[in-house]
Amino acid sequence: MALVLVAFAAVLPAVAGERSTDVELIMVDDPACRFCQKWNEAVGKGYAKSPEGAAAPLKRVPRGAPELQGLAPVIYTPTFIVMDGGGEVGRISGYSGPSYFYSDLRDILARAGHLRGS
């Protein structure tokens, strides 16, 4: 009986629709990148307070960071990589504006089961 309760407790957050604590949005950033700067101005300041930011907290890394080992190469900055449990579940290469960014990110998070109502 105790094993059943432990197993049920392990899946309860997923059943309740809560996000995994292993989900994050990695932003491959470059201080000289003008599109990174545009993202910072238009999205970056409010990202943590958005539903997407709650589902996938932001982690900024430079090109060549250890977090990128074993992933497909990053060609453009910014590149946004959604990680879930140590594996990539989607990415956005480049930045075309806040509406495109949030739309693409919502699609990735919804497909991965980390955002409702998308």
PDB file of N, CA and C in Angstrom:
ATOM      1  N   MET A   1       0.818  -1.195   0.000  1.00  0.00           N
ATOM      2  CA  MET A   1       0.000   0.000   0.000  1.00  0.00           C
ATOM      3  C   MET A   1       0.862   1.259   0.000  1.00  0.00           C
ATOM      4  N   ALA A   2       1.939   1.260   0.779  1.00  0.00           N
ATOM      5  CA  ALA A   2       2.818   2.427   0.850  1.00  0.00           C
ATOM      6  C   ALA A   2       3.452   2.701  -0.511  1.00  0.00           C
ATOM      7  N   LEU A   3       3.824   1.641  -1.242  1.00  0.00           N
ATOM      8  CA  LEU A   3       4.413   1.835  -2.565  1.00  0.00           C
ATOM      9  C   LEU A   3       3.426   2.460  -3.527  1.00  0.00           C
ATOM     10  N   VAL A   4       2.162   2.089  -3.426  1.00  0.00           N
ATOM     11  CA  VAL A   4       1.132   2.668  -4.283  1.00  0.00           C
ATOM     12  C   VAL A   4       1.004   4.157  -3.991  1.00  0.00           C
ATOM     13  N   LEU A   5       1.018   4.537  -2.724  1.00  0.00           N
ATOM     14  CA  LEU A   5       0.916   5.947  -2.350  1.00  0.00           C
ATOM     15  C   LEU A   5       2.129   6.732  -2.823  1.00  0.00           C
ATOM     16  N   VAL A   6       3.312   6.149  -2.710  1.00  0.00           N
ATOM     17  CA  VAL A   6       4.527   6.820  -3.179  1.00  0.00           C
ATOM     18  C   VAL A   6       4.459   7.011  -4.685  1.00  0.00           C
ATOM     19  N   ALA A   7       4.030   5.987  -5.422  1.00  0.00           N
ATOM     20  CA  ALA A   7       3.911   6.091  -6.868  1.00  0.00           C
ATOM     21  C   ALA A   7       2.873   7.127  -7.251  1.00  0.00           C
ATOM     22  N   PHE A   8       1.750   7.168  -6.556  1.00  0.00           N
ATOM     23  CA  PHE A   8       0.702   8.142  -6.834  1.00  0.00           C
ATOM     24  C   PHE A   8       1.205   9.555  -6.549  1.00  0.00           C
ATOM     25  N   ALA A   9       1.930   9.732  -5.472  1.00  0.00           N
ATOM     26  CA  ALA A   9       2.467  11.051  -5.120  1.00  0.00           C
ATOM     27  C   ALA A   9       3.461  11.527  -6.165  1.00  0.00           C
ATOM     28  N   ALA A  10       4.177  10.610  -6.786  1.00  0.00           N
ATOM     29  CA  ALA A  10       5.158  10.993  -7.804  1.00  0.00           C
ATOM     30  C   ALA A  10       4.495  11.526  -9.062  1.00  0.00           C
ATOM     31  N   VAL A  11       3.302  11.033  -9.412  1.00  0.00           N
ATOM     32  CA  VAL A  11       2.638  11.491 -10.626  1.00  0.00           C
ATOM     33  C   VAL A  11       1.599  12.559 -10.355  1.00  0.00           C
ATOM     34  N   LEU A  12       1.291  12.822  -9.109  1.00  0.00           N
ATOM     35  CA  LEU A  12       0.255  13.787  -8.775  1.00  0.00           C
ATOM     36  C   LEU A  12       0.505  15.167  -9.371  1.00  0.00           C
ATOM     37  N   PRO A  13       1.729  15.749  -9.317  1.00  0.00           N
ATOM     38  CA  PRO A  13       1.917  17.056  -9.930  1.00  0.00           C
ATOM     39  C   PRO A  13       1.603  17.066 -11.425  1.00  0.00           C
ATOM     40  N   ALA A  14       1.956  15.999 -12.139  1.00  0.00           N
ATOM     41  CA  ALA A  14       1.661  15.947 -13.570  1.00  0.00           C
ATOM     42  C   ALA A  14       0.163  15.859 -13.813  1.00  0.00           C
ATOM     43  N   VAL A  15      -0.545  15.090 -12.987  1.00  0.00           N
ATOM     44  CA  VAL A  15      -1.986  14.958 -13.133  1.00  0.00           C
ATOM     45  C   VAL A  15      -2.671  16.282 -12.826  1.00  0.00           C
ATOM     46  N   ALA A  16      -2.164  17.001 -11.843  1.00  0.00           N
ATOM     47  CA  ALA A  16      -2.758  18.266 -11.437  1.00  0.00           C
ATOM     48  C   ALA A  16      -2.427  19.386 -12.405  1.00  0.00           C
ATOM     49  N   GLY A  17      -1.542  19.141 -13.378  1.00  0.00           N
ATOM     50  CA  GLY A  17      -1.215  20.150 -14.372  1.00  0.00           C
ATOM     51  C   GLY A  17      -0.101  21.089 -13.942  1.00  0.00           C
ATOM     52  N   GLU A  18       0.606  20.760 -12.882  1.00  0.00           N
ATOM     53  CA  GLU A  18       1.720  21.583 -12.461  1.00  0.00           C
ATOM     54  C   GLU A  18       2.910  21.288 -13.350  1.00  0.00           C
ATOM     55  N   ARG A  19       3.789  22.269 -13.470  1.00  0.00           N
ATOM     56  CA  ARG A  19       4.950  22.073 -14.319  1.00  0.00           C
ATOM     57  C   ARG A  19       6.038  21.304 -13.589  1.00  0.00           C
ATOM     58  N   SER A  20       6.861  20.642 -14.357  1.00  0.00           N
ATOM     59  CA  SER A  20       8.023  19.967 -13.805  1.00  0.00           C
ATOM     60  C   SER A  20       9.049  21.024 -13.420  1.00  0.00           C
ATOM     61  N   THR A  21       9.795  20.780 -12.359  1.00  0.00           N
ATOM     62  CA  THR A  21      10.833  21.729 -11.974  1.00  0.00           C
ATOM     63  C   THR A  21      12.062  21.583 -12.864  1.00  0.00           C
ATOM     64  N   ASP A  22      12.066  20.612 -13.755  1.00  0.00           N
ATOM     65  CA  ASP A  22      13.191  20.399 -14.654  1.00  0.00           C
ATOM     66  C   ASP A  22      13.037  21.140 -15.977  1.00  0.00           C
ATOM     67  N   VAL A  23      11.974  21.918 -16.146  1.00  0.00           N
ATOM     68  CA  VAL A  23      11.749  22.639 -17.396  1.00  0.00           C
ATOM     69  C   VAL A  23      12.402  24.010 -17.290  1.00  0.00           C
ATOM     70  N   GLU A  24      13.145  24.375 -18.329  1.00  0.00           N
ATOM     71  CA  GLU A  24      13.740  25.705 -18.365  1.00  0.00           C
ATOM     72  C   GLU A  24      13.884  26.158 -19.804  1.00  0.00           C
ATOM     73  N   LEU A  25      13.957  27.458 -19.956  1.00  0.00           N
ATOM     74  CA  LEU A  25      14.212  28.066 -21.257  1.00  0.00           C
ATOM     75  C   LEU A  25      15.636  28.583 -21.235  1.00  0.00           C
ATOM     76  N   ILE A  26      16.484  27.976 -22.036  1.00  0.00           N
ATOM     77  CA  ILE A  26      17.866  28.429 -22.140  1.00  0.00           C
ATOM     78  C   ILE A  26      17.933  29.440 -23.274  1.00  0.00           C
ATOM     79  N   MET A  27      18.448  30.623 -22.958  1.00  0.00           N
ATOM     80  CA  MET A  27      18.669  31.648 -23.973  1.00  0.00           C
ATOM     81  C   MET A  27      20.166  31.710 -24.248  1.00  0.00           C
ATOM     82  N   VAL A  28      20.538  31.403 -25.485  1.00  0.00           N
ATOM     83  CA  VAL A  28      21.926  31.545 -25.897  1.00  0.00           C
ATOM     84  C   VAL A  28      22.073  32.997 -26.336  1.00  0.00           C
ATOM     85  N   ASP A  29      22.838  33.719 -25.566  1.00  0.00           N
ATOM     86  CA  ASP A  29      22.911  35.174 -25.621  1.00  0.00           C
ATOM     87  C   ASP A  29      24.305  35.614 -26.057  1.00  0.00           C
ATOM     88  N   ASP A  30      24.375  36.795 -26.631  1.00  0.00           N
ATOM     89  CA  ASP A  30      25.648  37.409 -27.003  1.00  0.00           C
ATOM     90  C   ASP A  30      25.508  38.904 -26.745  1.00  0.00           C
ATOM     91  N   PRO A  31      26.378  39.488 -25.939  1.00  0.00           N
ATOM     92  CA  PRO A  31      26.246  40.907 -25.617  1.00  0.00           C
ATOM     93  C   PRO A  31      26.268  41.820 -26.846  1.00  0.00           C
ATOM     94  N   ALA A  32      26.893  41.383 -27.935  1.00  0.00           N
ATOM     95  CA  ALA A  32      26.960  42.207 -29.142  1.00  0.00           C
ATOM     96  C   ALA A  32      25.777  41.986 -30.082  1.00  0.00           C
ATOM     97  N   CYS A  33      24.880  41.098 -29.732  1.00  0.00           N
ATOM     98  CA  CYS A  33      23.751  40.741 -30.603  1.00  0.00           C
ATOM     99  C   CYS A  33      22.628  41.765 -30.461  1.00  0.00           C
ATOM    100  N   ARG A  34      22.309  42.452 -31.555  1.00  0.00           N
ATOM    101  CA  ARG A  34      21.250  43.475 -31.475  1.00  0.00           C
ATOM    102  C   ARG A  34      19.869  42.854 -31.296  1.00  0.00           C
ATOM    103  N   PHE A  35      19.661  41.632 -31.780  1.00  0.00           N
ATOM    104  CA  PHE A  35      18.366  40.975 -31.586  1.00  0.00           C
ATOM    105  C   PHE A  35      18.212  40.484 -30.146  1.00  0.00           C
ATOM    106  N   CYS A  36      19.325  40.124 -29.512  1.00  0.00           N
ATOM    107  CA  CYS A  36      19.287  39.792 -28.083  1.00  0.00           C
ATOM    108  C   CYS A  36      18.882  41.031 -27.292  1.00  0.00           C
ATOM    109  N   GLN A  37      19.445  42.164 -27.659  1.00  0.00           N
ATOM    110  CA  GLN A  37      19.113  43.420 -26.986  1.00  0.00           C
ATOM    111  C   GLN A  37      17.645  43.781 -27.193  1.00  0.00           C
ATOM    112  N   LYS A  38      17.126  43.564 -28.404  1.00  0.00           N
ATOM    113  CA  LYS A  38      15.707  43.829 -28.661  1.00  0.00           C
ATOM    114  C   LYS A  38      14.824  42.914 -27.824  1.00  0.00           C
ATOM    115  N   TRP A  39      15.199  41.631 -27.711  1.00  0.00           N
ATOM    116  CA  TRP A  39      14.439  40.705 -26.879  1.00  0.00           C
ATOM    117  C   TRP A  39      14.470  41.171 -25.423  1.00  0.00           C
ATOM    118  N   ASN A  40      15.639  41.576 -24.940  1.00  0.00           N
ATOM    119  CA  ASN A  40      15.763  42.057 -23.561  1.00  0.00           C
ATOM    120  C   ASN A  40      14.811  43.211 -23.290  1.00  0.00           C
ATOM    121  N   GLU A  41      14.724  44.141 -24.227  1.00  0.00           N
ATOM    122  CA  GLU A  41      13.866  45.323 -24.058  1.00  0.00           C
ATOM    123  C   GLU A  41      12.382  44.978 -24.134  1.00  0.00           C
ATOM    124  N   ALA A  42      12.011  44.156 -25.099  1.00  0.00           N
ATOM    125  CA  ALA A  42      10.587  43.897 -25.352  1.00  0.00           C
ATOM    126  C   ALA A  42      10.020  42.750 -24.508  1.00  0.00           C
ATOM    127  N   VAL A  43      10.823  41.752 -24.198  1.00  0.00           N
ATOM    128  CA  VAL A  43      10.319  40.544 -23.542  1.00  0.00           C
ATOM    129  C   VAL A  43      11.018  40.294 -22.205  1.00  0.00           C
ATOM    130  N   GLY A  44      12.305  40.463 -22.181  1.00  0.00           N
ATOM    131  CA  GLY A  44      13.115  40.060 -21.038  1.00  0.00           C
ATOM    132  C   GLY A  44      12.674  40.601 -19.699  1.00  0.00           C
ATOM    133  N   LYS A  45      12.275  41.850 -19.660  1.00  0.00           N
ATOM    134  CA  LYS A  45      11.899  42.473 -18.384  1.00  0.00           C
ATOM    135  C   LYS A  45      10.663  41.833 -17.760  1.00  0.00           C
ATOM    136  N   GLY A  46       9.730  41.368 -18.578  1.00  0.00           N
ATOM    137  CA  GLY A  46       8.498  40.800 -18.053  1.00  0.00           C
ATOM    138  C   GLY A  46       8.384  39.297 -18.181  1.00  0.00           C
ATOM    139  N   TYR A  47       9.396  38.660 -18.756  1.00  0.00           N
ATOM    140  CA  TYR A  47       9.288  37.226 -19.030  1.00  0.00           C
ATOM    141  C   TYR A  47       8.994  36.407 -17.775  1.00  0.00           C
ATOM    142  N   ALA A  48       9.691  36.657 -16.688  1.00  0.00           N
ATOM    143  CA  ALA A  48       9.522  35.845 -15.470  1.00  0.00           C
ATOM    144  C   ALA A  48       8.096  35.916 -14.927  1.00  0.00           C
ATOM    145  N   LYS A  49       7.377  37.008 -15.205  1.00  0.00           N
ATOM    146  CA  LYS A  49       6.015  37.173 -14.697  1.00  0.00           C
ATOM    147  C   LYS A  49       4.958  36.617 -15.650  1.00  0.00           C
ATOM    148  N   SER A  50       5.376  36.176 -16.825  1.00  0.00           N
ATOM    149  CA  SER A  50       4.434  35.643 -17.814  1.00  0.00           C
ATOM    150  C   SER A  50       4.118  34.181 -17.507  1.00  0.00           C
ATOM    151  N   PRO A  51       2.992  33.655 -18.040  1.00  0.00           N
ATOM    152  CA  PRO A  51       2.701  32.222 -17.868  1.00  0.00           C
ATOM    153  C   PRO A  51       3.824  31.341 -18.425  1.00  0.00           C
ATOM    154  N   GLU A  52       4.418  31.790 -19.520  1.00  0.00           N
ATOM    155  CA  GLU A  52       5.516  31.035 -20.115  1.00  0.00           C
ATOM    156  C   GLU A  52       6.738  31.038 -19.198  1.00  0.00           C
ATOM    157  N   GLY A  53       6.999  32.190 -18.576  1.00  0.00           N
ATOM    158  CA  GLY A  53       8.119  32.302 -17.651  1.00  0.00           C
ATOM    159  C   GLY A  53       7.916  31.457 -16.402  1.00  0.00           C
ATOM    160  N   ALA A  54       6.656  31.324 -15.973  1.00  0.00           N
ATOM    161  CA  ALA A  54       6.359  30.465 -14.833  1.00  0.00           C
ATOM    162  C   ALA A  54       6.546  28.997 -15.204  1.00  0.00           C
ATOM    163  N   ALA A  55       6.211  28.644 -16.442  1.00  0.00           N
ATOM    164  CA  ALA A  55       6.329  27.257 -16.898  1.00  0.00           C
ATOM    165  C   ALA A  55       7.774  26.872 -17.193  1.00  0.00           C
ATOM    166  N   ALA A  56       8.552  27.829 -17.711  1.00  0.00           N
ATOM    167  CA  ALA A  56       9.935  27.551 -18.111  1.00  0.00           C
ATOM    168  C   ALA A  56      10.818  28.735 -17.732  1.00  0.00           C
ATOM    169  N   PRO A  57      11.366  28.725 -16.526  1.00  0.00           N
ATOM    170  CA  PRO A  57      12.236  29.818 -16.101  1.00  0.00           C
ATOM    171  C   PRO A  57      13.423  29.998 -17.047  1.00  0.00           C
ATOM    172  N   LEU A  58      13.854  31.240 -17.182  1.00  0.00           N
ATOM    173  CA  LEU A  58      14.923  31.600 -18.112  1.00  0.00           C
ATOM    174  C   LEU A  58      16.300  31.376 -17.506  1.00  0.00           C
ATOM    175  N   LYS A  59      17.179  30.812 -18.324  1.00  0.00           N
ATOM    176  CA  LYS A  59      18.596  30.679 -17.968  1.00  0.00           C
ATOM    177  C   LYS A  59      19.396  31.174 -19.163  1.00  0.00           C
ATOM    178  N   ARG A  60      20.204  32.187 -18.967  1.00  0.00           N
ATOM    179  CA  ARG A  60      21.030  32.738 -20.048  1.00  0.00           C
ATOM    180  C   ARG A  60      22.396  32.066 -20.053  1.00  0.00           C
ATOM    181  N   VAL A  61      22.840  31.701 -21.241  1.00  0.00           N
ATOM    182  CA  VAL A  61      24.174  31.107 -21.384  1.00  0.00           C
ATOM    183  C   VAL A  61      24.832  31.663 -22.638  1.00  0.00           C
ATOM    184  N   PRO A  62      26.162  31.707 -22.657  1.00  0.00           N
ATOM    185  CA  PRO A  62      26.868  32.102 -23.876  1.00  0.00           C
ATOM    186  C   PRO A  62      27.018  30.903 -24.813  1.00  0.00           C
ATOM    187  N   ARG A  63      27.357  31.185 -26.053  1.00  0.00           N
ATOM    188  CA  ARG A  63      27.688  30.114 -26.991  1.00  0.00           C
ATOM    189  C   ARG A  63      28.805  29.257 -26.398  1.00  0.00           C
ATOM    190  N   GLY A  64      28.704  27.958 -26.576  1.00  0.00           N
ATOM    191  CA  GLY A  64      29.739  27.054 -26.075  1.00  0.00           C
ATOM    192  C   GLY A  64      29.602  26.680 -24.615  1.00  0.00           C
ATOM    193  N   ALA A  65      28.522  27.111 -23.963  1.00  0.00           N
ATOM    194  CA  ALA A  65      28.315  26.798 -22.551  1.00  0.00           C
ATOM    195  C   ALA A  65      28.138  25.294 -22.356  1.00  0.00           C
ATOM    196  N   PRO A  66      28.511  24.776 -21.194  1.00  0.00           N
ATOM    197  CA  PRO A  66      28.371  23.336 -20.920  1.00  0.00           C
ATOM    198  C   PRO A  66      26.935  22.839 -21.082  1.00  0.00           C
ATOM    199  N   GLU A  67      25.948  23.694 -20.814  1.00  0.00           N
ATOM    200  CA  GLU A  67      24.548  23.293 -20.939  1.00  0.00           C
ATOM    201  C   GLU A  67      24.170  22.925 -22.369  1.00  0.00           C
ATOM    202  N   LEU A  68      24.976  23.344 -23.332  1.00  0.00           N
ATOM    203  CA  LEU A  68      24.672  23.104 -24.744  1.00  0.00           C
ATOM    204  C   LEU A  68      25.338  21.839 -25.285  1.00  0.00           C
ATOM    205  N   GLN A  69      26.168  21.195 -24.468  1.00  0.00           N
ATOM    206  CA  GLN A  69      26.855  19.969 -24.895  1.00  0.00           C
ATOM    207  C   GLN A  69      25.827  18.911 -25.281  1.00  0.00           C
ATOM    208  N   GLY A  70      26.021  18.290 -26.409  1.00  0.00           N
ATOM    209  CA  GLY A  70      25.152  17.207 -26.858  1.00  0.00           C
ATOM    210  C   GLY A  70      23.907  17.674 -27.594  1.00  0.00           C
ATOM    211  N   LEU A  71      23.689  18.991 -27.690  1.00  0.00           N
ATOM    212  CA  LEU A  71      22.540  19.523 -28.427  1.00  0.00           C
ATOM    213  C   LEU A  71      22.963  19.913 -29.842  1.00  0.00           C
ATOM    214  N   ALA A  72      21.986  20.113 -30.705  1.00  0.00           N
ATOM    215  CA  ALA A  72      22.288  20.604 -32.049  1.00  0.00           C
ATOM    216  C   ALA A  72      23.010  21.945 -31.925  1.00  0.00           C
ATOM    217  N   PRO A  73      23.903  22.232 -32.866  1.00  0.00           N
ATOM    218  CA  PRO A  73      24.662  23.487 -32.781  1.00  0.00           C
ATOM    219  C   PRO A  73      23.747  24.718 -32.798  1.00  0.00           C
ATOM    220  N   VAL A  74      24.196  25.746 -32.111  1.00  0.00           N
ATOM    221  CA  VAL A  74      23.504  27.035 -32.118  1.00  0.00           C
ATOM    222  C   VAL A  74      24.168  27.882 -33.195  1.00  0.00           C
ATOM    223  N   ILE A  75      23.373  28.287 -34.194  1.00  0.00           N
ATOM    224  CA  ILE A  75      23.891  29.069 -35.310  1.00  0.00           C
ATOM    225  C   ILE A  75      23.687  30.560 -35.064  1.00  0.00           C
ATOM    226  N   TYR A  76      22.488  30.939 -34.610  1.00  0.00           N
ATOM    227  CA  TYR A  76      22.118  32.343 -34.450  1.00  0.00           C
ATOM    228  C   TYR A  76      21.910  32.673 -32.983  1.00  0.00           C
ATOM    229  N   THR A  77      22.150  33.932 -32.655  1.00  0.00           N
ATOM    230  CA  THR A  77      21.741  34.431 -31.350  1.00  0.00           C
ATOM    231  C   THR A  77      20.706  35.518 -31.587  1.00  0.00           C
ATOM    232  N   PRO A  78      19.704  35.567 -30.744  1.00  0.00           N
ATOM    233  CA  PRO A  78      19.483  34.618 -29.673  1.00  0.00           C
ATOM    234  C   PRO A  78      18.901  33.312 -30.204  1.00  0.00           C
ATOM    235  N   THR A  79      19.189  32.249 -29.512  1.00  0.00           N
ATOM    236  CA  THR A  79      18.509  30.972 -29.699  1.00  0.00           C
ATOM    237  C   THR A  79      17.926  30.594 -28.347  1.00  0.00           C
ATOM    238  N   PHE A  80      16.670  30.175 -28.362  1.00  0.00           N
ATOM    239  CA  PHE A  80      15.953  29.807 -27.146  1.00  0.00           C
ATOM    240  C   PHE A  80      15.685  28.308 -27.209  1.00  0.00           C
ATOM    241  N   ILE A  81      16.153  27.577 -26.208  1.00  0.00           N
ATOM    242  CA  ILE A  81      16.023  26.124 -26.189  1.00  0.00           C
ATOM    243  C   ILE A  81      15.204  25.735 -24.963  1.00  0.00           C
ATOM    244  N   VAL A  82      14.087  25.054 -25.190  1.00  0.00           N
ATOM    245  CA  VAL A  82      13.265  24.569 -24.087  1.00  0.00           C
ATOM    246  C   VAL A  82      13.775  23.185 -23.706  1.00  0.00           C
ATOM    247  N   MET A  83      14.208  23.084 -22.444  1.00  0.00           N
ATOM    248  CA  MET A  83      14.736  21.837 -21.907  1.00  0.00           C
ATOM    249  C   MET A  83      13.744  21.262 -20.910  1.00  0.00           C
ATOM    250  N   ASP A  84      13.559  19.969 -20.961  1.00  0.00           N
ATOM    251  CA  ASP A  84      12.662  19.279 -20.034  1.00  0.00           C
ATOM    252  C   ASP A  84      13.355  18.010 -19.562  1.00  0.00           C
ATOM    253  N   GLY A  85      13.691  17.970 -18.293  1.00  0.00           N
ATOM    254  CA  GLY A  85      14.355  16.792 -17.743  1.00  0.00           C
ATOM    255  C   GLY A  85      15.697  16.515 -18.380  1.00  0.00           C
ATOM    256  N   GLY A  86      16.390  17.542 -18.815  1.00  0.00           N
ATOM    257  CA  GLY A  86      17.711  17.377 -19.408  1.00  0.00           C
ATOM    258  C   GLY A  86      17.715  17.176 -20.906  1.00  0.00           C
ATOM    259  N   GLY A  87      16.532  17.096 -21.530  1.00  0.00           N
ATOM    260  CA  GLY A  87      16.455  16.921 -22.980  1.00  0.00           C
ATOM    261  C   GLY A  87      15.772  18.099 -23.657  1.00  0.00           C
ATOM    262  N   GLU A  88      16.180  18.377 -24.853  1.00  0.00           N
ATOM    263  CA  GLU A  88      15.577  19.468 -25.626  1.00  0.00           C
ATOM    264  C   GLU A  88      14.211  19.044 -26.149  1.00  0.00           C
ATOM    265  N   VAL A  89      13.199  19.900 -25.948  1.00  0.00           N
ATOM    266  CA  VAL A  89      11.860  19.624 -26.474  1.00  0.00           C
ATOM    267  C   VAL A  89      11.462  20.618 -27.558  1.00  0.00           C
ATOM    268  N   GLY A  90      12.274  21.630 -27.782  1.00  0.00           N
ATOM    269  CA  GLY A  90      11.997  22.590 -28.843  1.00  0.00           C
ATOM    270  C   GLY A  90      12.945  23.764 -28.761  1.00  0.00           C
ATOM    271  N   ARG A  91      13.015  24.500 -29.877  1.00  0.00           N
ATOM    272  CA  ARG A  91      13.887  25.679 -29.890  1.00  0.00           C
ATOM    273  C   ARG A  91      13.343  26.727 -30.837  1.00  0.00           C
ATOM    274  N   ILE A  92      13.722  27.947 -30.545  1.00  0.00           N
ATOM    275  CA  ILE A  92      13.405  29.103 -31.382  1.00  0.00           C
ATOM    276  C   ILE A  92      14.738  29.743 -31.745  1.00  0.00           C
ATOM    277  N   SER A  93      15.023  29.822 -33.030  1.00  0.00           N
ATOM    278  CA  SER A  93      16.263  30.446 -33.487  1.00  0.00           C
ATOM    279  C   SER A  93      15.953  31.851 -33.965  1.00  0.00           C
ATOM    280  N   GLY A  94      16.635  32.820 -33.386  1.00  0.00           N
ATOM    281  CA  GLY A  94      16.428  34.212 -33.756  1.00  0.00           C
ATOM    282  C   GLY A  94      15.285  34.842 -32.980  1.00  0.00           C
ATOM    283  N   TYR A  95      15.032  36.104 -33.290  1.00  0.00           N
ATOM    284  CA  TYR A  95      13.975  36.856 -32.613  1.00  0.00           C
ATOM    285  C   TYR A  95      13.323  37.786 -33.617  1.00  0.00           C
ATOM    286  N   SER A  96      11.987  37.644 -33.778  1.00  0.00           N
ATOM    287  CA  SER A  96      11.235  38.452 -34.753  1.00  0.00           C
ATOM    288  C   SER A  96      10.215  39.361 -34.098  1.00  0.00           C
ATOM    289  N   GLY A  97      10.224  39.456 -32.788  1.00  0.00           N
ATOM    290  CA  GLY A  97       9.268  40.298 -32.086  1.00  0.00           C
ATOM    291  C   GLY A  97       8.553  39.512 -31.012  1.00  0.00           C
ATOM    292  N   PRO A  98       7.951  40.224 -30.053  1.00  0.00           N
ATOM    293  CA  PRO A  98       7.339  39.543 -28.909  1.00  0.00           C
ATOM    294  C   PRO A  98       6.177  38.629 -29.267  1.00  0.00           C
ATOM    295  N   SER A  99       5.335  39.021 -30.208  1.00  0.00           N
ATOM    296  CA  SER A  99       4.173  38.172 -30.523  1.00  0.00           C
ATOM    297  C   SER A  99       4.619  36.848 -31.146  1.00  0.00           C
ATOM    298  N   TYR A 100       5.599  36.887 -32.034  1.00  0.00           N
ATOM    299  CA  TYR A 100       6.113  35.648 -32.630  1.00  0.00           C
ATOM    300  C   TYR A 100       6.818  34.798 -31.583  1.00  0.00           C
ATOM    301  N   PHE A 101       7.610  35.436 -30.741  1.00  0.00           N
ATOM    302  CA  PHE A 101       8.336  34.706 -29.704  1.00  0.00           C
ATOM    303  C   PHE A 101       7.367  33.963 -28.789  1.00  0.00           C
ATOM    304  N   TYR A 102       6.390  34.698 -28.235  1.00  0.00           N
ATOM    305  CA  TYR A 102       5.464  34.062 -27.300  1.00  0.00           C
ATOM    306  C   TYR A 102       4.603  33.005 -27.985  1.00  0.00           C
ATOM    307  N   SER A 103       4.200  33.241 -29.214  1.00  0.00           N
ATOM    308  CA  SER A 103       3.406  32.249 -29.936  1.00  0.00           C
ATOM    309  C   SER A 103       4.195  30.954 -30.128  1.00  0.00           C
ATOM    310  N   ASP A 104       5.431  31.081 -30.585  1.00  0.00           N
ATOM    311  CA  ASP A 104       6.275  29.896 -30.797  1.00  0.00           C
ATOM    312  C   ASP A 104       6.555  29.180 -29.475  1.00  0.00           C
ATOM    313  N   LEU A 105       6.851  29.945 -28.427  1.00  0.00           N
ATOM    314  CA  LEU A 105       7.156  29.341 -27.137  1.00  0.00           C
ATOM    315  C   LEU A 105       5.932  28.643 -26.547  1.00  0.00           C
ATOM    316  N   ARG A 106       4.760  29.270 -26.673  1.00  0.00           N
ATOM    317  CA  ARG A 106       3.530  28.627 -26.179  1.00  0.00           C
ATOM    318  C   ARG A 106       3.296  27.307 -26.888  1.00  0.00           C
ATOM    319  N   ASP A 107       3.520  27.269 -28.197  1.00  0.00           N
ATOM    320  CA  ASP A 107       3.354  26.021 -28.950  1.00  0.00           C
ATOM    321  C   ASP A 107       4.279  24.928 -28.429  1.00  0.00           C
ATOM    322  N   ILE A 108       5.545  25.270 -28.208  1.00  0.00           N
ATOM    323  CA  ILE A 108       6.514  24.285 -27.710  1.00  0.00           C
ATOM    324  C   ILE A 108       6.106  23.782 -26.335  1.00  0.00           C
ATOM    325  N   LEU A 109       5.783  24.713 -25.435  1.00  0.00           N
ATOM    326  CA  LEU A 109       5.412  24.327 -24.064  1.00  0.00           C
ATOM    327  C   LEU A 109       4.116  23.519 -24.022  1.00  0.00           C
ATOM    328  N   ALA A 110       3.167  23.876 -24.859  1.00  0.00           N
ATOM    329  CA  ALA A 110       1.894  23.130 -24.903  1.00  0.00           C
ATOM    330  C   ALA A 110       2.124  21.712 -25.430  1.00  0.00           C
ATOM    331  N   ARG A 111       2.898  21.565 -26.490  1.00  0.00           N
ATOM    332  CA  ARG A 111       3.212  20.228 -27.029  1.00  0.00           C
ATOM    333  C   ARG A 111       3.912  19.362 -25.995  1.00  0.00           C
ATOM    334  N   ALA A 112       4.744  19.996 -25.159  1.00  0.00           N
ATOM    335  CA  ALA A 112       5.485  19.256 -24.136  1.00  0.00           C
ATOM    336  C   ALA A 112       4.642  19.037 -22.882  1.00  0.00           C
ATOM    337  N   GLY A 113       3.417  19.584 -22.858  1.00  0.00           N
ATOM    338  CA  GLY A 113       2.525  19.380 -21.726  1.00  0.00           C
ATOM    339  C   GLY A 113       2.767  20.284 -20.543  1.00  0.00           C
ATOM    340  N   HIS A 114       3.379  21.445 -20.783  1.00  0.00           N
ATOM    341  CA  HIS A 114       3.727  22.347 -19.679  1.00  0.00           C
ATOM    342  C   HIS A 114       2.990  23.669 -19.715  1.00  0.00           C
ATOM    343  N   LEU A 115       1.998  23.798 -20.577  1.00  0.00           N
ATOM    344  CA  LEU A 115       1.243  25.034 -20.625  1.00  0.00           C
ATOM    345  C   LEU A 115      -0.162  24.706 -21.111  1.00  0.00           C
ATOM    346  N   ARG A 116      -1.135  25.105 -20.347  1.00  0.00           N
ATOM    347  CA  ARG A 116      -2.536  24.839 -20.710  1.00  0.00           C
ATOM    348  C   ARG A 116      -3.113  26.009 -21.477  1.00  0.00           C
ATOM    349  N   GLY A 117      -4.179  25.723 -22.196  1.00  0.00           N
ATOM    350  CA  GLY A 117      -4.945  26.777 -22.867  1.00  0.00           C
ATOM    351  C   GLY A 117      -4.287  27.338 -24.091  1.00  0.00           C
ATOM    352  N   SER A 118      -3.371  26.585 -24.695  1.00  0.00           N
ATOM    353  CA  SER A 118      -2.707  27.071 -25.904  1.00  0.00           C
ATOM    354  C   SER A 118      -3.151  26.280 -27.107  1.00  0.00           C
TER     355      SER A 118
END
